[in-house]
């Protein structure tokens, strides 16, 4: 990538941020994250006796000092679960509105007139969307982690790793939104497909049980293909929870298989975009 290409690509990333600011998407996420951080600052009470933590009160539950680490990990797990479900739906919903706007008449022709390869245009938009969501996720998780660490002296790195998993899953789902936007230029269809994958994941995660319930071999093969081909959203959620709680992670297959899905889908988007006439 030469300097001009890099400048144009970075300009597309900045343009995505500006549009997110203009549509109040970034500020909406930032405001919710700040509210949650302030919530934890004021609701968590700690009693200190002779320089040691005696009790911690959180959500009305009080625990003794020796149980503080377990309480903190459980609170972290609850926050991570909230981000992984409600936060993911909101992130996909917001990004599905941002992606197709780059293909609007007049705007796409202007971008294509720049001295830059087509795939840099698409990658710049994709990277900008990922960074918008990542900035808010890392801000929230890091803020809550510091609050809990300062108040309880419990610093669990697993909670920080959960934010990486959340951003990773979003980046994979965003490749689906990107592909649909290139092919159909529809935010509604993009959201429907991304949400369908999210809803199917908990069902497909019960692959072994489904194979025992199904009577025909072709239906069992269909379940196997869908499970291994689609991103493992549900399994990655359990992996993130294990990291937060400090449990051992035995199987990393959901990570590399989901990454492979995202790479193939992103490559398909770049190929389709490169062959389209505008």
C-alpha atoms as a PDB file:
ATOM      1  CA  UNK A   1       0.000   0.000   0.000  1.00  0.00           C
ATOM      2  CA  UNK A   2       1.521   3.337  -1.083  1.00  0.00           C
ATOM      3  CA  UNK A   3       1.175   6.551   0.872  1.00  0.00           C
ATOM      4  CA  UNK A   4      -1.707   7.918  -1.239  1.00  0.00           C
ATOM      5  CA  UNK A   5      -3.674   4.685  -0.842  1.00  0.00           C
ATOM      6  CA  UNK A   6      -3.081   4.722   2.901  1.00  0.00           C
ATOM      7  CA  UNK A   7      -4.245   8.338   3.145  1.00  0.00           C
ATOM      8  CA  UNK A   8      -7.455   7.605   1.238  1.00  0.00           C
ATOM      9  CA  UNK A   9      -8.134   4.465   3.285  1.00  0.00           C
ATOM     10  CA  UNK A  10      -7.627   6.351   6.544  1.00  0.00           C
ATOM     11  CA  UNK A  11      -9.861   9.125   5.212  1.00  0.00           C
ATOM     12  CA  UNK A  12     -12.616   6.528   4.772  1.00  0.00           C
ATOM     13  CA  UNK A  13     -12.116   5.402   8.364  1.00  0.00           C
ATOM     14  CA  UNK A  14     -12.420   9.015   9.544  1.00  0.00           C
ATOM     15  CA  UNK A  15     -15.477   9.476   7.355  1.00  0.00           C
ATOM     16  CA  UNK A  16     -17.120   6.510   9.075  1.00  0.00           C
ATOM     17  CA  UNK A  17     -16.396   8.051  12.483  1.00  0.00           C
ATOM     18  CA  UNK A  18     -17.791  11.413  11.355  1.00  0.00           C
ATOM     19  CA  UNK A  19     -20.960   9.765  10.100  1.00  0.00           C
ATOM     20  CA  UNK A  20     -21.296   7.826  13.355  1.00  0.00           C
ATOM     21  CA  UNK A  21     -20.949  11.125  15.245  1.00  0.00           C
ATOM     22  CA  UNK A  22     -23.446  12.867  12.951  1.00  0.00           C
ATOM     23  CA  UNK A  23     -26.032  10.094  13.348  1.00  0.00           C
ATOM     24  CA  UNK A  24     -25.461  10.140  17.129  1.00  0.00           C
ATOM     25  CA  UNK A  25     -24.505   6.439  16.954  1.00  0.00           C
ATOM     26  CA  UNK A  26     -21.137   6.902  18.624  1.00  0.00           C
ATOM     27  CA  UNK A  27     -22.513   9.274  21.241  1.00  0.00           C
ATOM     28  CA  UNK A  28     -25.407   6.931  21.966  1.00  0.00           C
ATOM     29  CA  UNK A  29     -23.037   4.051  22.735  1.00  0.00           C
ATOM     30  CA  UNK A  30     -20.686   6.365  24.616  1.00  0.00           C
ATOM     31  CA  UNK A  31     -23.520   7.748  26.732  1.00  0.00           C
ATOM     32  CA  UNK A  32     -24.792   4.276  27.668  1.00  0.00           C
ATOM     33  CA  UNK A  33     -21.264   3.143  28.535  1.00  0.00           C
ATOM     34  CA  UNK A  34     -20.650   6.222  30.693  1.00  0.00           C
ATOM     35  CA  UNK A  35     -23.979   5.753  32.484  1.00  0.00           C
ATOM     36  CA  UNK A  36     -23.083   2.152  33.293  1.00  0.00           C
ATOM     37  CA  UNK A  37     -19.633   3.176  34.561  1.00  0.00           C
ATOM     38  CA  UNK A  38     -21.166   5.835  36.814  1.00  0.00           C
ATOM     39  CA  UNK A  39     -23.718   3.298  37.984  1.00  0.00           C
ATOM     40  CA  UNK A  40     -20.978   1.027  39.284  1.00  0.00           C
ATOM     41  CA  UNK A  41     -19.109   3.909  40.869  1.00  0.00           C
ATOM     42  CA  UNK A  42     -22.068   4.770  43.080  1.00  0.00           C
ATOM     43  CA  UNK A  43     -23.812   1.427  43.756  1.00  0.00           C
ATOM     44  CA  UNK A  44     -20.841  -0.605  44.947  1.00  0.00           C
ATOM     45  CA  UNK A  45     -20.090  -0.038  48.618  1.00  0.00           C
ATOM     46  CA  UNK A  46     -17.019  -1.391  50.366  1.00  0.00           C
ATOM     47  CA  UNK A  47     -16.377  -1.552  54.109  1.00  0.00           C
ATOM     48  CA  UNK A  48     -12.719  -1.470  55.122  1.00  0.00           C
ATOM     49  CA  UNK A  49     -11.587  -2.682  58.542  1.00  0.00           C
ATOM     50  CA  UNK A  50      -7.979  -2.105  59.610  1.00  0.00           C
ATOM     51  CA  UNK A  51      -6.838  -1.634  56.035  1.00  0.00           C
ATOM     52  CA  UNK A  52      -8.472  -4.806  54.684  1.00  0.00           C
ATOM     53  CA  UNK A  53     -11.652  -5.298  52.743  1.00  0.00           C
ATOM     54  CA  UNK A  54     -14.326  -6.560  55.134  1.00  0.00           C
ATOM     55  CA  UNK A  55     -17.519  -6.572  53.046  1.00  0.00           C
ATOM     56  CA  UNK A  56     -18.595  -5.638  49.541  1.00  0.00           C
ATOM     57  CA  UNK A  57     -22.173  -4.682  48.720  1.00  0.00           C
ATOM     58  CA  UNK A  58     -23.270  -4.986  45.097  1.00  0.00           C
ATOM     59  CA  UNK A  59     -26.869  -5.020  43.788  1.00  0.00           C
ATOM     60  CA  UNK A  60     -28.001  -5.410  47.400  1.00  0.00           C
ATOM     61  CA  UNK A  61     -25.864  -8.526  47.941  1.00  0.00           C
ATOM     62  CA  UNK A  62     -23.210  -8.405  50.631  1.00  0.00           C
ATOM     63  CA  UNK A  63     -20.212 -10.719  50.733  1.00  0.00           C
ATOM     64  CA  UNK A  64     -17.276 -11.127  53.098  1.00  0.00           C
ATOM     65  CA  UNK A  65     -13.746 -10.197  52.146  1.00  0.00           C
ATOM     66  CA  UNK A  66     -12.625 -13.713  51.286  1.00  0.00           C
ATOM     67  CA  UNK A  67     -15.504 -13.980  48.735  1.00  0.00           C
ATOM     68  CA  UNK A  68     -14.715 -10.693  47.000  1.00  0.00           C
ATOM     69  CA  UNK A  69     -12.901 -12.258  44.061  1.00  0.00           C
ATOM     70  CA  UNK A  70     -15.823 -14.575  43.307  1.00  0.00           C
ATOM     71  CA  UNK A  71     -18.290 -11.673  43.526  1.00  0.00           C
ATOM     72  CA  UNK A  72     -16.187  -9.514  41.223  1.00  0.00           C
ATOM     73  CA  UNK A  73     -15.841 -12.296  38.655  1.00  0.00           C
ATOM     74  CA  UNK A  74     -19.598 -12.895  38.704  1.00  0.00           C
ATOM     75  CA  UNK A  75     -20.278  -9.176  38.246  1.00  0.00           C
ATOM     76  CA  UNK A  76     -17.802  -9.090  35.360  1.00  0.00           C
ATOM     77  CA  UNK A  77     -19.496 -12.123  33.818  1.00  0.00           C
ATOM     78  CA  UNK A  78     -22.895 -10.404  34.019  1.00  0.00           C
ATOM     79  CA  UNK A  79     -21.586  -7.266  32.328  1.00  0.00           C
ATOM     80  CA  UNK A  80     -19.845  -9.294  29.621  1.00  0.00           C
ATOM     81  CA  UNK A  81     -23.064 -11.268  29.005  1.00  0.00           C
ATOM     82  CA  UNK A  82     -25.038  -8.027  28.654  1.00  0.00           C
ATOM     83  CA  UNK A  83     -22.527  -6.632  26.153  1.00  0.00           C
ATOM     84  CA  UNK A  84     -22.460  -9.913  24.273  1.00  0.00           C
ATOM     85  CA  UNK A  85     -26.240 -10.018  23.816  1.00  0.00           C
ATOM     86  CA  UNK A  86     -27.963  -6.646  23.943  1.00  0.00           C
ATOM     87  CA  UNK A  87     -24.794  -4.760  23.039  1.00  0.00           C
ATOM     88  CA  UNK A  88     -24.144  -6.995  20.027  1.00  0.00           C
ATOM     89  CA  UNK A  89     -27.683  -6.537  18.708  1.00  0.00           C
ATOM     90  CA  UNK A  90     -27.381  -2.757  19.012  1.00  0.00           C
ATOM     91  CA  UNK A  91     -23.948  -2.742  17.375  1.00  0.00           C
ATOM     92  CA  UNK A  92     -25.131  -4.786  14.382  1.00  0.00           C
ATOM     93  CA  UNK A  93     -28.283  -2.661  14.088  1.00  0.00           C
ATOM     94  CA  UNK A  94     -26.253   0.568  14.078  1.00  0.00           C
ATOM     95  CA  UNK A  95     -23.611  -0.708  11.656  1.00  0.00           C
ATOM     96  CA  UNK A  96     -26.204  -2.079   9.249  1.00  0.00           C
ATOM     97  CA  UNK A  97     -27.321   1.515   8.790  1.00  0.00           C
ATOM     98  CA  UNK A  98     -23.803   2.837   8.287  1.00  0.00           C
ATOM     99  CA  UNK A  99     -22.461   0.331   5.759  1.00  0.00           C
ATOM    100  CA  UNK A 100     -24.943   0.711   2.840  1.00  0.00           C
ATOM    101  CA  UNK A 101     -24.691   4.517   2.824  1.00  0.00           C
ATOM    102  CA  UNK A 102     -21.307   4.304   1.116  1.00  0.00           C
ATOM    103  CA  UNK A 103     -23.053   2.815  -1.946  1.00  0.00           C
ATOM    104  CA  UNK A 104     -25.509   5.717  -2.355  1.00  0.00           C
ATOM    105  CA  UNK A 105     -25.620   7.269  -5.862  1.00  0.00           C
ATOM    106  CA  UNK A 106     -23.198  10.133  -6.172  1.00  0.00           C
ATOM    107  CA  UNK A 107     -21.196   9.095  -3.134  1.00  0.00           C
ATOM    108  CA  UNK A 108     -19.910   5.819  -4.558  1.00  0.00           C
ATOM    109  CA  UNK A 109     -19.021   7.468  -7.868  1.00  0.00           C
ATOM    110  CA  UNK A 110     -16.994  10.087  -5.987  1.00  0.00           C
ATOM    111  CA  UNK A 111     -15.117   7.431  -4.044  1.00  0.00           C
ATOM    112  CA  UNK A 112     -14.408   5.370  -7.158  1.00  0.00           C
ATOM    113  CA  UNK A 113     -12.944   8.446  -8.847  1.00  0.00           C
ATOM    114  CA  UNK A 114     -10.169   8.544  -6.233  1.00  0.00           C
ATOM    115  CA  UNK A 115      -6.755   7.034  -7.083  1.00  0.00           C
ATOM    116  CA  UNK A 116      -7.267   4.022  -4.853  1.00  0.00           C
ATOM    117  CA  UNK A 117      -8.133   0.383  -5.351  1.00  0.00           C
ATOM    118  CA  UNK A 118     -11.732  -0.642  -4.762  1.00  0.00           C
ATOM    119  CA  UNK A 119     -10.859  -3.078  -2.009  1.00  0.00           C
ATOM    120  CA  UNK A 120      -9.295  -0.242   0.007  1.00  0.00           C
ATOM    121  CA  UNK A 121     -12.589   1.646  -0.133  1.00  0.00           C
ATOM    122  CA  UNK A 122     -14.493  -1.315   1.271  1.00  0.00           C
ATOM    123  CA  UNK A 123     -11.845  -2.185   3.855  1.00  0.00           C
ATOM    124  CA  UNK A 124     -11.745   1.437   5.026  1.00  0.00           C
ATOM    125  CA  UNK A 125     -15.490   1.405   5.640  1.00  0.00           C
ATOM    126  CA  UNK A 126     -15.316  -1.972   7.353  1.00  0.00           C
ATOM    127  CA  UNK A 127     -12.394  -0.971   9.573  1.00  0.00           C
ATOM    128  CA  UNK A 128     -14.100   2.306  10.503  1.00  0.00           C
ATOM    129  CA  UNK A 129     -17.214   0.471  11.715  1.00  0.00           C
ATOM    130  CA  UNK A 130     -15.164  -2.001  13.737  1.00  0.00           C
ATOM    131  CA  UNK A 131     -13.205   0.818  15.383  1.00  0.00           C
ATOM    132  CA  UNK A 132     -16.373   2.747  16.286  1.00  0.00           C
ATOM    133  CA  UNK A 133     -17.756  -0.240  18.197  1.00  0.00           C
ATOM    134  CA  UNK A 134     -14.360  -1.319  19.576  1.00  0.00           C
ATOM    135  CA  UNK A 135     -13.714   2.144  21.032  1.00  0.00           C
ATOM    136  CA  UNK A 136     -16.956   1.998  23.017  1.00  0.00           C
ATOM    137  CA  UNK A 137     -16.559  -1.627  24.136  1.00  0.00           C
ATOM    138  CA  UNK A 138     -12.981  -1.110  25.330  1.00  0.00           C
ATOM    139  CA  UNK A 139     -13.962   2.155  27.044  1.00  0.00           C
ATOM    140  CA  UNK A 140     -16.757   0.466  28.987  1.00  0.00           C
ATOM    141  CA  UNK A 141     -14.880  -2.711  29.896  1.00  0.00           C
ATOM    142  CA  UNK A 142     -11.687  -0.889  30.859  1.00  0.00           C
ATOM    143  CA  UNK A 143     -13.641   1.659  32.909  1.00  0.00           C
ATOM    144  CA  UNK A 144     -15.570  -0.995  34.848  1.00  0.00           C
ATOM    145  CA  UNK A 145     -12.401  -3.086  35.297  1.00  0.00           C
ATOM    146  CA  UNK A 146     -10.562  -0.127  36.830  1.00  0.00           C
ATOM    147  CA  UNK A 147     -13.490   0.729  39.123  1.00  0.00           C
ATOM    148  CA  UNK A 148     -13.713  -2.817  40.461  1.00  0.00           C
ATOM    149  CA  UNK A 149      -9.939  -3.063  40.730  1.00  0.00           C
ATOM    150  CA  UNK A 150      -9.561   0.155  42.689  1.00  0.00           C
ATOM    151  CA  UNK A 151     -12.467  -0.603  45.037  1.00  0.00           C
ATOM    152  CA  UNK A 152     -11.753  -4.284  45.671  1.00  0.00           C
ATOM    153  CA  UNK A 153      -8.060  -4.755  44.757  1.00  0.00           C
ATOM    154  CA  UNK A 154      -9.192  -7.621  42.497  1.00  0.00           C
ATOM    155  CA  UNK A 155      -7.686  -7.331  39.002  1.00  0.00           C
ATOM    156  CA  UNK A 156      -8.945 -10.123  36.738  1.00  0.00           C
ATOM    157  CA  UNK A 157      -7.459 -10.014  33.215  1.00  0.00           C
ATOM    158  CA  UNK A 158     -10.154 -12.368  31.922  1.00  0.00           C
ATOM    159  CA  UNK A 159     -12.663  -9.514  31.871  1.00  0.00           C
ATOM    160  CA  UNK A 160     -10.384  -7.535  29.549  1.00  0.00           C
ATOM    161  CA  UNK A 161     -10.032 -10.545  27.265  1.00  0.00           C
ATOM    162  CA  UNK A 162     -13.813 -10.804  27.075  1.00  0.00           C
ATOM    163  CA  UNK A 163     -13.894  -7.382  25.392  1.00  0.00           C
ATOM    164  CA  UNK A 164     -11.530  -8.718  22.719  1.00  0.00           C
ATOM    165  CA  UNK A 165     -13.890 -11.662  22.120  1.00  0.00           C
ATOM    166  CA  UNK A 166     -16.870  -9.290  21.864  1.00  0.00           C
ATOM    167  CA  UNK A 167     -15.150  -7.089  19.279  1.00  0.00           C
ATOM    168  CA  UNK A 168     -13.963 -10.189  17.403  1.00  0.00           C
ATOM    169  CA  UNK A 169     -17.512 -11.590  17.171  1.00  0.00           C
ATOM    170  CA  UNK A 170     -18.828  -8.213  16.024  1.00  0.00           C
ATOM    171  CA  UNK A 171     -16.126  -7.983  13.337  1.00  0.00           C
ATOM    172  CA  UNK A 172     -17.179 -11.423  12.052  1.00  0.00           C
ATOM    173  CA  UNK A 173     -20.873 -10.500  11.964  1.00  0.00           C
ATOM    174  CA  UNK A 174     -19.977  -7.243  10.242  1.00  0.00           C
ATOM    175  CA  UNK A 175     -18.522  -9.192   7.298  1.00  0.00           C
ATOM    176  CA  UNK A 176     -22.029 -10.604   6.766  1.00  0.00           C
ATOM    177  CA  UNK A 177     -23.517  -7.104   6.848  1.00  0.00           C
ATOM    178  CA  UNK A 178     -20.840  -5.953   4.405  1.00  0.00           C
ATOM    179  CA  UNK A 179     -21.518  -8.780   1.943  1.00  0.00           C
ATOM    180  CA  UNK A 180     -25.281  -8.188   1.959  1.00  0.00           C
ATOM    181  CA  UNK A 181     -24.719  -4.445   1.548  1.00  0.00           C
ATOM    182  CA  UNK A 182     -22.518  -5.006  -1.507  1.00  0.00           C
ATOM    183  CA  UNK A 183     -24.866  -7.508  -3.152  1.00  0.00           C
ATOM    184  CA  UNK A 184     -28.294  -6.056  -2.253  1.00  0.00           C
ATOM    185  CA  UNK A 185     -27.498  -2.595  -0.822  1.00  0.00           C
ATOM    186  CA  UNK A 186     -30.154  -3.178   1.833  1.00  0.00           C
ATOM    187  CA  UNK A 187     -29.675  -2.428   5.526  1.00  0.00           C
ATOM    188  CA  UNK A 188     -32.850  -4.351   6.399  1.00  0.00           C
ATOM    189  CA  UNK A 189     -31.727  -7.547   4.647  1.00  0.00           C
ATOM    190  CA  UNK A 190     -28.258  -7.199   6.178  1.00  0.00           C
ATOM    191  CA  UNK A 191     -29.734  -7.002   9.684  1.00  0.00           C
ATOM    192  CA  UNK A 192     -32.091  -9.916   9.042  1.00  0.00           C
ATOM    193  CA  UNK A 193     -29.269 -12.207   7.900  1.00  0.00           C
ATOM    194  CA  UNK A 194     -26.921 -11.190  10.737  1.00  0.00           C
ATOM    195  CA  UNK A 195     -29.667 -11.616  13.351  1.00  0.00           C
ATOM    196  CA  UNK A 196     -30.654 -14.975  11.833  1.00  0.00           C
ATOM    197  CA  UNK A 197     -27.084 -16.219  12.314  1.00  0.00           C
ATOM    198  CA  UNK A 198     -27.152 -15.012  15.923  1.00  0.00           C
ATOM    199  CA  UNK A 199     -30.484 -16.750  16.611  1.00  0.00           C
ATOM    200  CA  UNK A 200     -29.403 -19.978  14.928  1.00  0.00           C
ATOM    201  CA  UNK A 201     -26.125 -20.227  16.845  1.00  0.00           C
ATOM    202  CA  UNK A 202     -27.577 -21.420  20.211  1.00  0.00           C
ATOM    203  CA  UNK A 203     -29.592 -24.057  18.337  1.00  0.00           C
ATOM    204  CA  UNK A 204     -26.665 -25.286  16.259  1.00  0.00           C
ATOM    205  CA  UNK A 205     -24.504 -25.367  19.401  1.00  0.00           C
ATOM    206  CA  UNK A 206     -26.660 -28.338  20.477  1.00  0.00           C
ATOM    207  CA  UNK A 207     -25.360 -30.265  17.485  1.00  0.00           C
ATOM    208  CA  UNK A 208     -24.881 -33.596  19.303  1.00  0.00           C
ATOM    209  CA  UNK A 209     -28.401 -33.524  20.726  1.00  0.00           C
ATOM    210  CA  UNK A 210     -29.942 -32.551  17.378  1.00  0.00           C
ATOM    211  CA  UNK A 211     -28.163 -35.391  15.591  1.00  0.00           C
ATOM    212  CA  UNK A 212     -29.683 -37.883  18.011  1.00  0.00           C
ATOM    213  CA  UNK A 213     -33.165 -36.419  17.531  1.00  0.00           C
ATOM    214  CA  UNK A 214     -33.088 -36.269  13.729  1.00  0.00           C
ATOM    215  CA  UNK A 215     -34.050 -39.441  11.874  1.00  0.00           C
ATOM    216  CA  UNK A 216     -32.548 -38.917   8.398  1.00  0.00           C
ATOM    217  CA  UNK A 217     -28.875 -38.811   7.537  1.00  0.00           C
ATOM    218  CA  UNK A 218     -29.228 -35.826   5.200  1.00  0.00           C
ATOM    219  CA  UNK A 219     -30.758 -33.719   7.983  1.00  0.00           C
ATOM    220  CA  UNK A 220     -27.924 -34.685  10.344  1.00  0.00           C
ATOM    221  CA  UNK A 221     -25.399 -33.761   7.657  1.00  0.00           C
ATOM    222  CA  UNK A 222     -27.170 -30.429   7.176  1.00  0.00           C
ATOM    223  CA  UNK A 223     -26.835 -29.654  10.891  1.00  0.00           C
ATOM    224  CA  UNK A 224     -23.134 -30.585  10.815  1.00  0.00           C
ATOM    225  CA  UNK A 225     -22.462 -28.389   7.782  1.00  0.00           C
ATOM    226  CA  UNK A 226     -24.329 -25.422   9.250  1.00  0.00           C
ATOM    227  CA  UNK A 227     -22.584 -25.773  12.608  1.00  0.00           C
ATOM    228  CA  UNK A 228     -19.069 -25.892  11.210  1.00  0.00           C
ATOM    229  CA  UNK A 229     -19.675 -23.389   8.392  1.00  0.00           C
ATOM    230  CA  UNK A 230     -21.347 -20.582  10.372  1.00  0.00           C
ATOM    231  CA  UNK A 231     -19.644 -18.516  13.098  1.00  0.00           C
ATOM    232  CA  UNK A 232     -19.907 -20.014  16.594  1.00  0.00           C
ATOM    233  CA  UNK A 233     -21.555 -17.032  18.309  1.00  0.00           C
ATOM    234  CA  UNK A 234     -22.954 -19.053  21.209  1.00  0.00           C
ATOM    235  CA  UNK A 235     -19.752 -21.047  21.755  1.00  0.00           C
ATOM    236  CA  UNK A 236     -17.679 -17.871  21.721  1.00  0.00           C
ATOM    237  CA  UNK A 237     -19.984 -16.429  24.367  1.00  0.00           C
ATOM    238  CA  UNK A 238     -19.312 -19.422  26.600  1.00  0.00           C
ATOM    239  CA  UNK A 239     -15.602 -19.041  25.916  1.00  0.00           C
ATOM    240  CA  UNK A 240     -15.737 -15.377  26.968  1.00  0.00           C
ATOM    241  CA  UNK A 241     -17.576 -16.353  30.159  1.00  0.00           C
ATOM    242  CA  UNK A 242     -14.928 -18.971  30.949  1.00  0.00           C
ATOM    243  CA  UNK A 243     -12.200 -16.356  30.561  1.00  0.00           C
ATOM    244  CA  UNK A 244     -14.009 -13.961  32.896  1.00  0.00           C
ATOM    245  CA  UNK A 245     -14.633 -16.595  35.575  1.00  0.00           C
ATOM    246  CA  UNK A 246     -11.096 -17.933  35.352  1.00  0.00           C
ATOM    247  CA  UNK A 247     -12.200 -21.361  34.107  1.00  0.00           C
ATOM    248  CA  UNK A 248      -9.910 -23.295  31.742  1.00  0.00           C
ATOM    249  CA  UNK A 249     -10.631 -22.999  28.000  1.00  0.00           C
ATOM    250  CA  UNK A 250     -10.380 -26.469  26.495  1.00  0.00           C
ATOM    251  CA  UNK A 251     -11.459 -25.912  22.897  1.00  0.00           C
ATOM    252  CA  UNK A 252     -10.415 -22.913  20.778  1.00  0.00           C
ATOM    253  CA  UNK A 253     -12.097 -24.247  17.637  1.00  0.00           C
ATOM    254  CA  UNK A 254     -14.914 -21.635  17.774  1.00  0.00           C
ATOM    255  CA  UNK A 255     -12.302 -18.884  17.430  1.00  0.00           C
ATOM    256  CA  UNK A 256     -10.407 -20.095  14.383  1.00  0.00           C
ATOM    257  CA  UNK A 257     -13.489 -21.478  12.593  1.00  0.00           C
ATOM    258  CA  UNK A 258     -15.357 -18.169  13.076  1.00  0.00           C
ATOM    259  CA  UNK A 259     -12.282 -16.257  11.918  1.00  0.00           C
ATOM    260  CA  UNK A 260     -12.177 -18.424   8.794  1.00  0.00           C
ATOM    261  CA  UNK A 261     -15.858 -17.693   8.131  1.00  0.00           C
ATOM    262  CA  UNK A 262     -15.210 -13.960   8.490  1.00  0.00           C
ATOM    263  CA  UNK A 263     -12.206 -14.106   6.165  1.00  0.00           C
ATOM    264  CA  UNK A 264     -14.160 -15.983   3.471  1.00  0.00           C
ATOM    265  CA  UNK A 265     -17.164 -13.647   3.765  1.00  0.00           C
ATOM    266  CA  UNK A 266     -14.984 -10.536   3.662  1.00  0.00           C
ATOM    267  CA  UNK A 267     -13.156 -11.904   0.613  1.00  0.00           C
ATOM    268  CA  UNK A 268     -16.525 -12.520  -1.058  1.00  0.00           C
ATOM    269  CA  UNK A 269     -17.516  -8.911  -0.362  1.00  0.00           C
ATOM    270  CA  UNK A 270     -14.293  -7.591  -1.886  1.00  0.00           C
ATOM    271  CA  UNK A 271     -14.712  -9.814  -4.947  1.00  0.00           C
ATOM    272  CA  UNK A 272     -18.356  -8.788  -5.487  1.00  0.00           C
ATOM    273  CA  UNK A 273     -17.530  -5.108  -5.013  1.00  0.00           C
ATOM    274  CA  UNK A 274     -14.664  -5.327  -7.467  1.00  0.00           C
ATOM    275  CA  UNK A 275     -16.902  -6.746 -10.213  1.00  0.00           C
ATOM    276  CA  UNK A 276     -19.904  -4.439  -9.778  1.00  0.00           C
ATOM    277  CA  UNK A 277     -20.611  -1.597 -12.170  1.00  0.00           C
ATOM    278  CA  UNK A 278     -21.644   1.758 -10.703  1.00  0.00           C
END
